[in-house]
Protein backbone atom coordinates (compact mmCIF):
# COMPACT_ATOMS: atom_id res chain seq x y z
CA MET A 1 14.05 2.07 88.09
CA ALA A 2 16.91 4.18 86.72
CA VAL A 3 17.93 7.69 85.85
CA ARG A 4 19.25 7.53 82.30
CA SER A 5 21.65 9.83 80.46
CA ILE A 6 20.09 12.28 78.02
CA LEU A 7 21.38 12.20 74.45
CA VAL A 8 22.46 15.59 73.14
CA TYR A 9 22.10 16.97 69.62
CA PRO A 10 23.62 16.12 67.11
CA ASP A 11 23.29 12.48 68.23
CA PRO A 12 21.71 10.74 65.18
CA ILE A 13 19.21 8.79 67.34
CA LEU A 14 17.42 12.09 68.02
CA LYS A 15 16.63 12.46 64.31
CA GLN A 16 15.06 9.00 63.85
CA VAL A 17 11.33 8.29 63.65
CA CYS A 18 10.46 5.94 66.53
CA GLN A 19 8.82 2.55 66.23
CA PRO A 20 5.29 1.99 67.60
CA ILE A 21 4.87 -0.11 70.72
CA GLU A 22 2.67 -3.19 70.24
CA ASP A 23 2.13 -4.32 73.83
CA ILE A 24 2.71 -2.72 77.19
CA ASP A 25 4.78 -5.41 78.82
CA ALA A 26 7.34 -5.34 81.63
CA ALA A 27 10.01 -3.84 79.34
CA VAL A 28 7.73 -0.96 78.31
CA ASP A 29 6.70 -0.38 81.92
CA ALA A 30 10.40 -0.23 82.89
CA LEU A 31 11.04 2.23 80.04
CA LEU A 32 8.21 4.47 81.26
CA GLN A 33 9.59 4.36 84.80
CA ASP A 34 13.08 5.26 83.53
CA LEU A 35 11.56 8.22 81.68
CA ILE A 36 9.78 9.37 84.86
CA ASP A 37 12.92 8.94 86.97
CA THR A 38 15.04 10.81 84.42
CA MET A 39 12.53 13.67 84.15
CA ARG A 40 12.22 14.07 87.93
CA ASP A 41 15.96 13.80 88.53
CA SER A 42 16.66 16.74 86.22
CA GLY A 43 14.87 19.10 88.60
CA HIS A 44 13.51 21.25 85.77
CA SER A 45 12.20 19.00 83.02
CA VAL A 46 8.46 18.73 82.27
CA GLY A 47 8.82 15.85 79.83
CA VAL A 48 11.12 13.23 78.35
CA ALA A 49 10.76 11.07 75.25
CA ALA A 50 12.24 7.61 74.76
CA PRO A 51 14.69 8.64 71.99
CA GLN A 52 16.26 11.15 74.38
CA ILE A 53 17.50 8.19 76.42
CA GLY A 54 18.50 6.21 73.32
CA VAL A 55 15.36 4.09 72.90
CA ASN A 56 13.68 4.13 69.48
CA ARG A 57 10.12 3.52 70.76
CA ARG A 58 7.02 5.74 70.84
CA ALA A 59 6.84 6.51 74.57
CA VAL A 60 6.88 9.83 76.43
CA VAL A 61 6.15 11.20 79.87
CA VAL A 62 4.91 14.72 80.64
CA ASP A 63 4.15 16.42 83.95
CA VAL A 64 3.79 20.21 84.00
CA SER A 65 2.13 20.30 87.43
CA HIS A 66 5.30 21.56 89.15
CA SER A 67 6.01 24.28 86.59
CA LYS A 68 4.85 27.86 87.16
CA PHE A 69 3.50 27.77 83.60
CA GLY A 70 1.42 24.62 84.05
CA ARG A 71 0.54 24.18 87.71
CA ASP A 72 -2.99 25.57 87.34
CA ASN A 73 -3.93 23.68 84.17
CA ASN A 74 -2.74 20.09 83.88
CA HIS A 75 -3.61 16.39 84.03
CA GLY A 76 -0.72 15.49 86.35
CA LEU A 77 1.78 12.85 85.32
CA LEU A 78 0.98 11.49 81.86
CA THR A 79 2.66 8.27 80.73
CA MET A 80 1.95 7.99 77.02
CA VAL A 81 2.51 5.14 74.61
CA ASN A 82 1.93 5.79 70.90
CA PRO A 83 0.50 9.29 71.45
CA VAL A 84 -1.35 10.93 68.54
CA ILE A 85 -2.76 14.43 68.24
CA LEU A 86 -6.27 14.09 66.79
CA GLU A 87 -7.19 17.78 66.70
CA GLN A 88 -5.46 21.07 67.29
CA ASP A 89 -6.49 24.70 67.27
CA GLY A 90 -5.19 28.13 68.19
CA ARG A 91 -1.59 29.22 67.76
CA LYS A 92 0.79 30.58 70.35
CA THR A 93 4.52 31.22 70.40
CA PHE A 94 6.39 29.96 73.46
CA ARG A 95 10.07 29.98 74.40
CA GLU A 96 11.08 26.30 74.51
CA GLY A 97 14.09 24.51 75.86
CA CYS A 98 15.16 20.89 75.70
CA MET A 99 17.54 18.71 77.66
CA SER A 100 18.84 17.39 74.33
CA VAL A 101 19.72 20.96 73.24
CA PRO A 102 21.10 22.15 76.58
CA ASP A 103 22.74 25.40 75.49
CA TYR A 104 19.84 27.02 73.63
CA THR A 105 16.17 27.96 73.80
CA GLY A 106 13.96 29.05 70.94
CA ASN A 107 10.65 30.66 70.03
CA VAL A 108 8.33 27.98 68.68
CA THR A 109 4.75 28.43 67.49
CA ARG A 110 2.46 25.53 68.38
CA ALA A 111 -1.22 24.77 68.83
CA GLU A 112 -2.72 26.18 72.05
CA ASN A 113 -5.28 23.38 72.35
CA ILE A 114 -5.02 19.72 71.37
CA LEU A 115 -7.11 16.58 71.50
CA LEU A 116 -4.74 13.75 72.34
CA GLN A 117 -5.09 9.97 72.13
CA PHE A 118 -2.65 7.52 73.71
CA THR A 119 -2.36 4.30 75.67
CA ASP A 120 -1.40 4.79 79.30
CA ARG A 121 0.84 2.68 81.51
CA ASN A 122 -2.13 0.50 82.51
CA SER A 123 -2.91 -0.35 78.84
CA GLU A 124 -5.96 1.95 78.92
CA GLU A 125 -6.82 3.92 75.79
CA ARG A 126 -7.21 7.58 76.74
CA VAL A 127 -8.38 10.70 74.96
CA LEU A 128 -7.67 14.07 76.61
CA ARG A 129 -8.17 17.72 75.78
CA CYS A 130 -5.07 19.67 76.75
CA SER A 131 -4.35 23.36 76.57
CA GLY A 132 -1.72 25.96 77.32
CA PHE A 133 1.69 24.89 78.55
CA GLU A 134 0.66 21.24 78.91
CA ALA A 135 -0.39 21.11 75.24
CA VAL A 136 2.92 22.69 74.21
CA ALA A 137 4.96 20.22 76.30
CA ILE A 138 3.08 17.27 74.80
CA GLN A 139 3.63 18.53 71.24
CA HIS A 140 7.34 19.02 72.02
CA GLU A 141 7.69 15.43 73.27
CA ILE A 142 5.71 13.93 70.36
CA ASP A 143 8.07 15.79 68.01
CA HIS A 144 10.94 13.78 69.54
CA LEU A 145 9.13 10.58 68.47
CA ASP A 146 9.12 11.89 64.91
CA GLY A 147 12.81 12.82 64.87
CA LEU A 148 12.20 16.54 65.35
CA LEU A 149 13.78 18.99 67.76
CA PHE A 150 12.46 22.43 68.63
CA LEU A 151 15.26 23.80 66.42
CA ASP A 152 13.40 22.27 63.45
CA ARG A 153 10.33 24.35 64.35
CA VAL A 154 11.79 27.84 64.82
CA SER A 155 11.06 30.34 62.06
CA SER A 156 14.61 31.68 61.96
CA LEU A 157 17.75 30.22 63.52
CA LYS A 158 19.15 33.75 63.47
CA THR A 159 16.34 35.59 65.32
CA ASP A 160 14.45 32.89 67.25
CA VAL A 161 17.24 30.90 68.94
CA PHE A 162 18.91 32.14 72.12
CA ARG A 163 21.83 31.05 74.26
CA ARG A 164 20.37 29.53 77.43
CA LYS A 165 20.99 31.07 80.81
CA ASN A 166 22.24 28.56 83.39
CA TYR A 167 19.64 26.90 85.62
């Protein structure tokens, strides 16, 4: 449908907790398509959350299948409404970046494995086990729905945040 502009920190919308979505109607379907279009247009993104495009709703898309970190272990394009992590285990530190924090990356420790529940674009309830880079990307995007950025998850702003190299 449309490639949307990405909000950049410190935009206050990025710090808000998003509202649940009651029904997957034409407006929600259009939102999901805008998220997909915006993610793909960036050329490097593996996920986008609704608040990053200024929409305070619990919707995200993730696709790590084209990333060197996720191409061998993924579920393809995931369109998620009201995603919830039911279980998590293992801990791993990854270097994360975010289109809403374009000038920095940071070391963030997250669960290596998650059990995820969400409603997909076709109004189907889904439960998936995800691991590795895909699990990290999903946790990153769900954080956006809760008003969190990866900067909120680093242990030390002094030692775990780095100026990003240009793409």
